[in-house]
C-alpha atoms as a PDB file:
ATOM      1  CA  MET A   1       0.000   0.000   0.000  1.00  0.00           C
ATOM      2  CA  ASN A   2       1.330   3.444  -0.934  1.00  0.00           C
ATOM      3  CA  LYS A   3       0.847   6.641   1.039  1.00  0.00           C
ATOM      4  CA  CYS A   4       1.295  10.360   0.334  1.00  0.00           C
ATOM      5  CA  VAL A   5       2.902  12.004   3.352  1.00  0.00           C
ATOM      6  CA  LYS A   6       1.905  15.474   2.112  1.00  0.00           C
ATOM      7  CA  CYS A   7      -1.827  14.864   1.530  1.00  0.00           C
ATOM      8  CA  ASN A   8      -2.019  12.156   4.231  1.00  0.00           C
ATOM      9  CA  ILE A   9      -3.933   9.758   2.007  1.00  0.00           C
ATOM     10  CA  GLU A  10      -3.534   6.101   1.143  1.00  0.00           C
ATOM     11  CA  VAL A  11      -3.697   4.950  -2.481  1.00  0.00           C
ATOM     12  CA  ARG A  12      -4.886   1.412  -3.001  1.00  0.00           C
ATOM     13  CA  ASP A  13      -3.723   0.926  -6.605  1.00  0.00           C
ATOM     14  CA  ASP A  14      -0.149   0.721  -7.952  1.00  0.00           C
ATOM     15  CA  SER A  15       0.267   4.454  -8.581  1.00  0.00           C
ATOM     16  CA  ALA A  16       3.773   5.816  -8.150  1.00  0.00           C
ATOM     17  CA  VAL A  17       2.720   9.425  -7.557  1.00  0.00           C
ATOM     18  CA  CYS A  18      -0.077  11.066  -5.586  1.00  0.00           C
ATOM     19  CA  PRO A  19      -3.118  11.818  -7.810  1.00  0.00           C
ATOM     20  CA  LEU A  20      -3.642  15.120  -5.966  1.00  0.00           C
ATOM     21  CA  CYS A  21      -0.221  16.759  -5.488  1.00  0.00           C
ATOM     22  CA  LYS A  22       1.861  14.555  -7.859  1.00  0.00           C
ATOM     23  CA  ARG A  23       4.361  13.847  -5.061  1.00  0.00           C
ATOM     24  CA  VAL A  24       6.133  10.477  -5.133  1.00  0.00           C
ATOM     25  CA  LEU A  25       4.309   8.042  -2.875  1.00  0.00           C
ATOM     26  CA  SER A  26       6.027   6.234  -0.041  1.00  0.00           C
ATOM     27  CA  ARG A  27       5.539   2.568   0.761  1.00  0.00           C
ATOM     28  CA  ASP A  28       3.805   1.920   4.076  1.00  0.00           C
ATOM     29  CA  SER A  29       4.079  -1.711   5.108  1.00  0.00           C
ATOM     30  CA  LYS A  30       1.644  -1.169   7.972  1.00  0.00           C
ATOM     31  CA  LEU A  31      -1.137  -0.646   5.454  1.00  0.00           C
ATOM     32  CA  ASP A  32      -0.539  -4.001   3.773  1.00  0.00           C
ATOM     33  CA  GLY A  33      -2.028  -5.971   6.659  1.00  0.00           C
ATOM     34  CA  ALA A  34      -5.602  -6.474   7.698  1.00  0.00           C
ATOM     35  CA  SER A  35      -6.239  -2.898   8.899  1.00  0.00           C
ATOM     36  CA  ARG A  36      -7.430  -1.068   5.801  1.00  0.00           C
ATOM     37  CA  SER A  37     -10.232   0.933   7.298  1.00  0.00           C
ATOM     38  CA  VAL A  38      -9.245   4.214   5.566  1.00  0.00           C
ATOM     39  CA  MET A  39      -8.671   3.826   1.873  1.00  0.00           C
ATOM     40  CA  TYR A  40      -8.278   6.455  -0.832  1.00  0.00           C
ATOM     41  CA  PRO A  41     -10.871   5.884  -3.590  1.00  0.00           C
ATOM     42  CA  GLN A  42      -9.651   4.503  -6.857  1.00  0.00           C
ATOM     43  CA  TYR A  43      -8.794   7.777  -8.521  1.00  0.00           C
ATOM     44  CA  ARG A  44      -7.800   6.318 -11.851  1.00  0.00           C
ATOM     45  CA  ASN A  45     -11.111   4.502 -12.287  1.00  0.00           C
ATOM     46  CA  THR A  46     -13.020   7.748 -11.674  1.00  0.00           C
ATOM     47  CA  VAL A  47     -10.925   9.635 -14.228  1.00  0.00           C
ATOM     48  CA  LYS A  48     -11.355   6.860 -16.798  1.00  0.00           C
ATOM     49  CA  LYS A  49     -15.134   6.885 -16.328  1.00  0.00           C
ATOM     50  CA  LEU A  50     -15.220  10.667 -16.715  1.00  0.00           C
ATOM     51  CA  LYS A  51     -13.156  10.557 -19.913  1.00  0.00           C
ATOM     52  CA  PHE A  52     -15.391   7.803 -21.263  1.00  0.00           C
ATOM     53  CA  ALA A  53     -18.497   9.889 -20.489  1.00  0.00           C
ATOM     54  CA  LYS A  54     -16.950  12.860 -22.320  1.00  0.00           C
ATOM     55  CA  ARG A  55     -16.209  10.778 -25.420  1.00  0.00           C
ATOM     56  CA  ILE A  56     -19.726   9.327 -25.462  1.00  0.00           C
ATOM     57  CA  THR A  57     -21.242  12.802 -25.074  1.00  0.00           C
ATOM     58  CA  VAL A  58     -19.183  14.319 -27.897  1.00  0.00           C
ATOM     59  CA  TYR A  59     -19.905  11.357 -30.184  1.00  0.00           C
ATOM     60  CA  SER A  60     -23.636  11.562 -29.429  1.00  0.00           C
ATOM     61  CA  ALA A  61     -23.614  15.296 -30.144  1.00  0.00           C
ATOM     62  CA  ILE A  62     -21.934  14.760 -33.527  1.00  0.00           C
ATOM     63  CA  VAL A  63     -24.449  12.053 -34.481  1.00  0.00           C
ATOM     64  CA  ALA A  64     -27.365  14.236 -33.349  1.00  0.00           C
ATOM     65  CA  GLU A  65     -26.128  17.176 -35.421  1.00  0.00           C
ATOM     66  CA  LEU A  66     -25.642  15.011 -38.531  1.00  0.00           C
ATOM     67  CA  ILE A  67     -29.212  13.765 -38.145  1.00  0.00           C
ATOM     68  CA  MET A  68     -30.412  17.364 -37.798  1.00  0.00           C
ATOM     69  CA  VAL A  69     -28.588  18.365 -40.983  1.00  0.00           C
ATOM     70  CA  LEU A  70     -30.085  15.441 -42.917  1.00  0.00           C
ATOM     71  CA  VAL A  71     -33.588  16.230 -41.630  1.00  0.00           C
ATOM     72  CA  SER A  72     -33.162  19.890 -42.596  1.00  0.00           C
ATOM     73  CA  LEU A  73     -32.124  18.943 -46.115  1.00  0.00           C
ATOM     74  CA  LYS A  74     -34.936  16.410 -46.348  1.00  0.00           C
ATOM     75  CA  ILE A  75     -37.725  18.838 -45.431  1.00  0.00           C
ATOM     76  CA  GLY A  76     -36.210  21.749 -47.348  1.00  0.00           C
ATOM     77  CA  LEU A  77     -35.053  23.947 -44.478  1.00  0.00           C
ATOM     78  CA  GLU A  78     -32.046  26.201 -44.897  1.00  0.00           C
ATOM     79  CA  ILE A  79     -28.902  24.642 -43.480  1.00  0.00           C
ATOM     80  CA  LYS A  80     -28.447  27.586 -41.115  1.00  0.00           C
ATOM     81  CA  TYR A  81     -31.331  26.303 -39.007  1.00  0.00           C
ATOM     82  CA  ALA A  82     -29.268  23.240 -38.187  1.00  0.00           C
ATOM     83  CA  PHE A  83     -26.762  25.581 -36.587  1.00  0.00           C
ATOM     84  CA  LEU A  84     -29.222  26.302 -33.781  1.00  0.00           C
ATOM     85  CA  THR A  85     -28.930  22.738 -32.533  1.00  0.00           C
ATOM     86  CA  ALA A  86     -25.218  22.748 -33.340  1.00  0.00           C
ATOM     87  CA  ALA A  87     -24.695  25.823 -31.161  1.00  0.00           C
ATOM     88  CA  ALA A  88     -26.520  24.198 -28.242  1.00  0.00           C
ATOM     89  CA  LEU A  89     -24.602  20.934 -28.655  1.00  0.00           C
ATOM     90  CA  ILE A  90     -21.250  22.698 -28.991  1.00  0.00           C
ATOM     91  CA  PHE A  91     -21.888  24.759 -25.893  1.00  0.00           C
ATOM     92  CA  GLY A  92     -23.046  21.692 -23.962  1.00  0.00           C
ATOM     93  CA  CYS A  93     -19.975  19.650 -24.917  1.00  0.00           C
ATOM     94  CA  PHE A  94     -17.666  22.568 -24.210  1.00  0.00           C
ATOM     95  CA  SER A  95     -19.258  23.110 -20.805  1.00  0.00           C
ATOM     96  CA  LEU A  96     -18.896  19.442 -19.910  1.00  0.00           C
ATOM     97  CA  ILE A  97     -15.239  19.228 -20.948  1.00  0.00           C
ATOM     98  CA  PHE A  98     -14.168  22.616 -19.619  1.00  0.00           C
ATOM     99  CA  CYS A  99     -16.071  22.490 -16.321  1.00  0.00           C
ATOM    100  CA  THR A 100     -14.740  19.044 -15.442  1.00  0.00           C
ATOM    101  CA  SER A 101     -11.123  20.088 -15.991  1.00  0.00           C
ATOM    102  CA  GLN A 102      -9.337  20.169 -12.649  1.00  0.00           C
ATOM    103  CA  ASN A 103      -6.736  22.829 -13.431  1.00  0.00           C
ATOM    104  CA  LYS A 104      -9.202  25.739 -13.607  1.00  0.00           C
ATOM    105  CA  SER A 105     -10.941  27.560 -10.778  1.00  0.00           C
ATOM    106  CA  LEU A 106     -14.735  27.574 -10.744  1.00  0.00           C
ATOM    107  CA  GLN A 107     -15.022  31.352 -11.134  1.00  0.00           C
ATOM    108  CA  ARG A 108     -12.658  31.303 -14.116  1.00  0.00           C
ATOM    109  CA  LYS A 109     -14.747  28.567 -15.712  1.00  0.00           C
ATOM    110  CA  ILE A 110     -17.864  30.708 -15.328  1.00  0.00           C
ATOM    111  CA  VAL A 111     -16.216  33.751 -16.935  1.00  0.00           C
ATOM    112  CA  VAL A 112     -14.969  31.684 -19.896  1.00  0.00           C
ATOM    113  CA  GLU A 113     -18.422  30.165 -20.365  1.00  0.00           C
ATOM    114  CA  LEU A 114     -19.871  33.689 -20.271  1.00  0.00           C
ATOM    115  CA  VAL A 115     -17.703  34.723 -23.217  1.00  0.00           C
ATOM    116  CA  VAL A 116     -18.379  31.511 -25.170  1.00  0.00           C
ATOM    117  CA  ALA A 117     -22.146  31.842 -24.652  1.00  0.00           C
ATOM    118  CA  GLN A 118     -22.093  35.457 -25.816  1.00  0.00           C
ATOM    119  CA  VAL A 119     -20.096  34.593 -28.942  1.00  0.00           C
ATOM    120  CA  LEU A 120     -22.614  31.876 -29.834  1.00  0.00           C
ATOM    121  CA  ILE A 121     -25.507  34.297 -29.279  1.00  0.00           C
ATOM    122  CA  ILE A 122     -23.932  36.854 -31.635  1.00  0.00           C
ATOM    123  CA  VAL A 123     -23.225  34.179 -34.275  1.00  0.00           C
ATOM    124  CA  ILE A 124     -26.826  32.947 -34.132  1.00  0.00           C
ATOM    125  CA  ASP A 125     -28.128  36.504 -34.411  1.00  0.00           C
ATOM    126  CA  THR A 126     -25.828  37.126 -37.390  1.00  0.00           C
ATOM    127  CA  LEU A 127     -26.975  33.977 -39.188  1.00  0.00           C
ATOM    128  CA  PHE A 128     -30.575  35.159 -38.915  1.00  0.00           C
ATOM    129  CA  ASP A 129     -30.017  38.595 -40.503  1.00  0.00           C
ATOM    130  CA  PHE A 130     -28.725  40.245 -37.318  1.00  0.00           C
ATOM    131  CA  LYS A 131     -31.795  41.791 -35.721  1.00  0.00           C
ATOM    132  CA  GLU A 132     -29.526  43.126 -32.925  1.00  0.00           C
ATOM    133  CA  TRP A 133     -31.433  41.210 -30.231  1.00  0.00           C
ATOM    134  CA  SER A 134     -28.134  39.632 -29.207  1.00  0.00           C
ATOM    135  CA  ILE A 135     -26.464  42.888 -28.125  1.00  0.00           C
ATOM    136  CA  HIS A 136     -29.616  44.472 -26.691  1.00  0.00           C
ATOM    137  CA  TYR A 137     -31.018  41.488 -24.820  1.00  0.00           C
ATOM    138  CA  GLY A 138     -28.940  38.307 -25.100  1.00  0.00           C
ATOM    139  CA  LEU A 139     -25.560  39.584 -23.944  1.00  0.00           C
ATOM    140  CA  PRO A 140     -26.725  41.760 -21.021  1.00  0.00           C
ATOM    141  CA  PHE A 141     -29.045  39.060 -19.642  1.00  0.00           C
ATOM    142  CA  VAL A 142     -26.186  36.555 -19.740  1.00  0.00           C
ATOM    143  CA  VAL A 143     -24.063  39.065 -17.781  1.00  0.00           C
ATOM    144  CA  LEU A 144     -26.808  39.504 -15.183  1.00  0.00           C
ATOM    145  CA  GLY A 145     -27.148  35.742 -14.878  1.00  0.00           C
ATOM    146  CA  VAL A 146     -23.418  35.385 -14.261  1.00  0.00           C
ATOM    147  CA  ASP A 147     -23.568  38.169 -11.645  1.00  0.00           C
ATOM    148  CA  ILE A 148     -26.193  36.152  -9.766  1.00  0.00           C
ATOM    149  CA  ALA A 149     -24.114  32.972 -10.100  1.00  0.00           C
ATOM    150  CA  MET A 150     -21.044  34.741  -8.714  1.00  0.00           C
ATOM    151  CA  LEU A 151     -23.018  36.120  -5.779  1.00  0.00           C
ATOM    152  CA  VAL A 152     -24.313  32.650  -4.911  1.00  0.00           C
ATOM    153  CA  LEU A 153     -20.802  31.190  -5.137  1.00  0.00           C
ATOM    154  CA  MET A 154     -19.431  33.908  -2.886  1.00  0.00           C
ATOM    155  CA  ILE A 155     -22.113  33.204  -0.278  1.00  0.00           C
ATOM    156  CA  VAL A 156     -21.462  29.463  -0.425  1.00  0.00           C
ATOM    157  CA  ASN A 157     -17.661  29.923  -0.340  1.00  0.00           C
ATOM    158  CA  TYR A 158     -17.667  32.837   2.062  1.00  0.00           C
ATOM    159  CA  ALA A 159     -14.214  31.998   3.444  1.00  0.00           C
ATOM    160  CA  VAL A 160     -12.576  32.706   0.063  1.00  0.00           C
ATOM    161  CA  TRP A 161     -15.009  35.296  -1.312  1.00  0.00           C
ATOM    162  CA  ILE A 162     -12.215  37.759  -2.046  1.00  0.00           C
ATOM    163  CA  GLU A 163     -10.885  35.462  -4.784  1.00  0.00           C
ATOM    164  CA  TYR A 164     -13.999  36.260  -6.838  1.00  0.00           C
ATOM    165  CA  LEU A 165     -13.090  39.947  -7.047  1.00  0.00           C
ATOM    166  CA  TYR A 166     -10.847  39.417 -10.073  1.00  0.00           C
ATOM    167  CA  SER A 167     -13.607  37.576 -11.958  1.00  0.00           C
ATOM    168  CA  ILE A 168     -16.128  40.349 -11.261  1.00  0.00           C
ATOM    169  CA  ILE A 169     -13.714  42.837 -12.855  1.00  0.00           C
ATOM    170  CA  TRP A 170     -13.654  40.762 -16.033  1.00  0.00           C
ATOM    171  CA  ILE A 171     -17.443  40.506 -16.036  1.00  0.00           C
ATOM    172  CA  LEU A 172     -17.660  44.313 -15.718  1.00  0.00           C
ATOM    173  CA  LEU A 173     -15.321  44.747 -18.693  1.00  0.00           C
ATOM    174  CA  ASP A 174     -17.449  42.285 -20.653  1.00  0.00           C
ATOM    175  CA  SER A 175     -20.630  44.227 -19.873  1.00  0.00           C
ATOM    176  CA  ILE A 176     -18.929  47.476 -20.952  1.00  0.00           C
ATOM    177  CA  VAL A 177     -18.031  45.879 -24.293  1.00  0.00           C
ATOM    178  CA  CYS A 178     -21.711  44.950 -24.754  1.00  0.00           C
ATOM    179  CA  LEU A 179     -22.694  48.560 -24.063  1.00  0.00           C
ATOM    180  CA  VAL A 180     -20.118  49.898 -26.526  1.00  0.00           C
ATOM    181  CA  LEU A 181     -21.485  47.536 -29.205  1.00  0.00           C
ATOM    182  CA  CYS A 182     -24.950  49.032 -28.709  1.00  0.00           C
ATOM    183  CA  PHE A 183     -23.550  52.559 -29.056  1.00  0.00           C
ATOM    184  CA  ALA A 184     -21.720  51.477 -32.217  1.00  0.00           C
ATOM    185  CA  PHE A 185     -25.012  50.338 -33.772  1.00  0.00           C
ATOM    186  CA  GLY A 186     -26.681  53.665 -33.061  1.00  0.00           C
ATOM    187  CA  ASP A 187     -28.601  53.007 -29.853  1.00  0.00           C
ATOM    188  CA  LEU A 188     -27.703  55.861 -27.492  1.00  0.00           C
ATOM    189  CA  PHE A 189     -29.788  54.536 -24.586  1.00  0.00           C
ATOM    190  CA  PRO A 190     -29.732  50.706 -24.572  1.00  0.00           C
ATOM    191  CA  LEU A 191     -31.691  49.939 -21.406  1.00  0.00           C
ATOM    192  CA  TYR A 192     -30.634  46.381 -20.588  1.00  0.00           C
ATOM    193  CA  PRO A 193     -26.915  46.808 -21.401  1.00  0.00           C
ATOM    194  CA  ILE A 194     -26.896  49.891 -19.150  1.00  0.00           C
ATOM    195  CA  ILE A 195     -28.582  47.891 -16.387  1.00  0.00           C
ATOM    196  CA  ALA A 196     -26.004  45.107 -16.804  1.00  0.00           C
ATOM    197  CA  VAL A 197     -23.105  47.562 -16.508  1.00  0.00           C
ATOM    198  CA  GLY A 198     -24.723  49.335 -13.547  1.00  0.00           C
ATOM    199  CA  VAL A 199     -25.470  46.141 -11.610  1.00  0.00           C
ATOM    200  CA  THR A 200     -21.992  44.696 -12.195  1.00  0.00           C
ATOM    201  CA  ALA A 201     -20.282  47.992 -11.310  1.00  0.00           C
ATOM    202  CA  ALA A 202     -22.354  48.240  -8.112  1.00  0.00           C
ATOM    203  CA  PHE A 203     -21.488  44.618  -7.325  1.00  0.00           C
ATOM    204  CA  LEU A 204     -17.774  45.312  -7.742  1.00  0.00           C
ATOM    205  CA  GLY A 205     -17.933  48.570  -5.802  1.00  0.00           C
ATOM    206  CA  GLY A 206     -19.752  46.854  -2.951  1.00  0.00           C
ATOM    207  CA  LEU A 207     -17.069  44.172  -2.763  1.00  0.00           C
ATOM    208  CA  ILE A 208     -14.330  46.794  -2.603  1.00  0.00           C
ATOM    209  CA  VAL A 209     -16.124  48.763   0.109  1.00  0.00           C
ATOM    210  CA  VAL A 210     -16.959  45.700   2.215  1.00  0.00           C
ATOM    211  CA  GLY A 211     -13.589  44.083   1.625  1.00  0.00           C
ATOM    212  CA  ASP A 212     -11.669  47.249   2.549  1.00  0.00           C
ATOM    213  CA  LYS A 213      -7.983  46.380   3.090  1.00  0.00           C
ATOM    214  CA  GLN A 214      -8.473  42.785   1.971  1.00  0.00           C
ATOM    215  CA  ALA A 215      -9.971  43.935  -1.329  1.00  0.00           C
ATOM    216  CA  HIS A 216      -7.242  46.527  -1.864  1.00  0.00           C
ATOM    217  CA  SER A 217      -4.580  43.897  -1.176  1.00  0.00           C
ATOM    218  CA  GLU A 218      -6.184  41.581  -3.736  1.00  0.00           C
ATOM    219  CA  LEU A 219      -6.265  44.361  -6.343  1.00  0.00           C
ATOM    220  CA  HIS A 220      -2.626  45.190  -5.614  1.00  0.00           C
ATOM    221  CA  ARG A 221      -1.676  41.534  -5.957  1.00  0.00           C
ATOM    222  CA  ARG A 222      -3.489  41.198  -9.256  1.00  0.00           C
ATOM    223  CA  PHE A 223      -2.692  44.543 -10.891  1.00  0.00           C
ATOM    224  CA  HIS A 224       0.337  45.813  -8.917  1.00  0.00           C
ATOM    225  CA  PHE A 225      -0.955  49.270  -8.050  1.00  0.00           C
END
């Protein structure tokens, strides 16, 4: 039986390194006897099952999209309508693969998914003659949804809430870009983009005020000012 002295876990398979910290495992002869009450779960089996689930999901999405394309051609629909299902399948597969990666923080995953979702919304809007609903409604409502998600995460992970400050800054910048896009297309008072910027800015300002020295230290650590 192998043991990681850093993580204080026992690994029941023949791994040479710890699956958590990658430290070389030490051999503990005491664990080879009858007393095996505390065992580390079979990490490799879990990873293999997760990878298998990812492959099955991606394969199923490809098959589903091919069927959608064939149906569209069969009934005479324009091929661009098949992109609606493709966009949903792509986003679903991306979310599954990206969110189950272990080298990314949860808040960073949410910000990346925010950008990916907004890009897909703009592409869909463009394919259907660009009615500008994406920049006036789609993008700002996605920003507001992410604001709510971040707030919930901060409440749940109250001990490390300050780590979410950096992500809120990126969300604010994203909402400002949405507002600028509306201005660029001639709308001088886009209601929902303005609300998205205002809510996110208030959210960030509240964190800085409540966080006080802790928030200022985090900003200094991130941006060196």
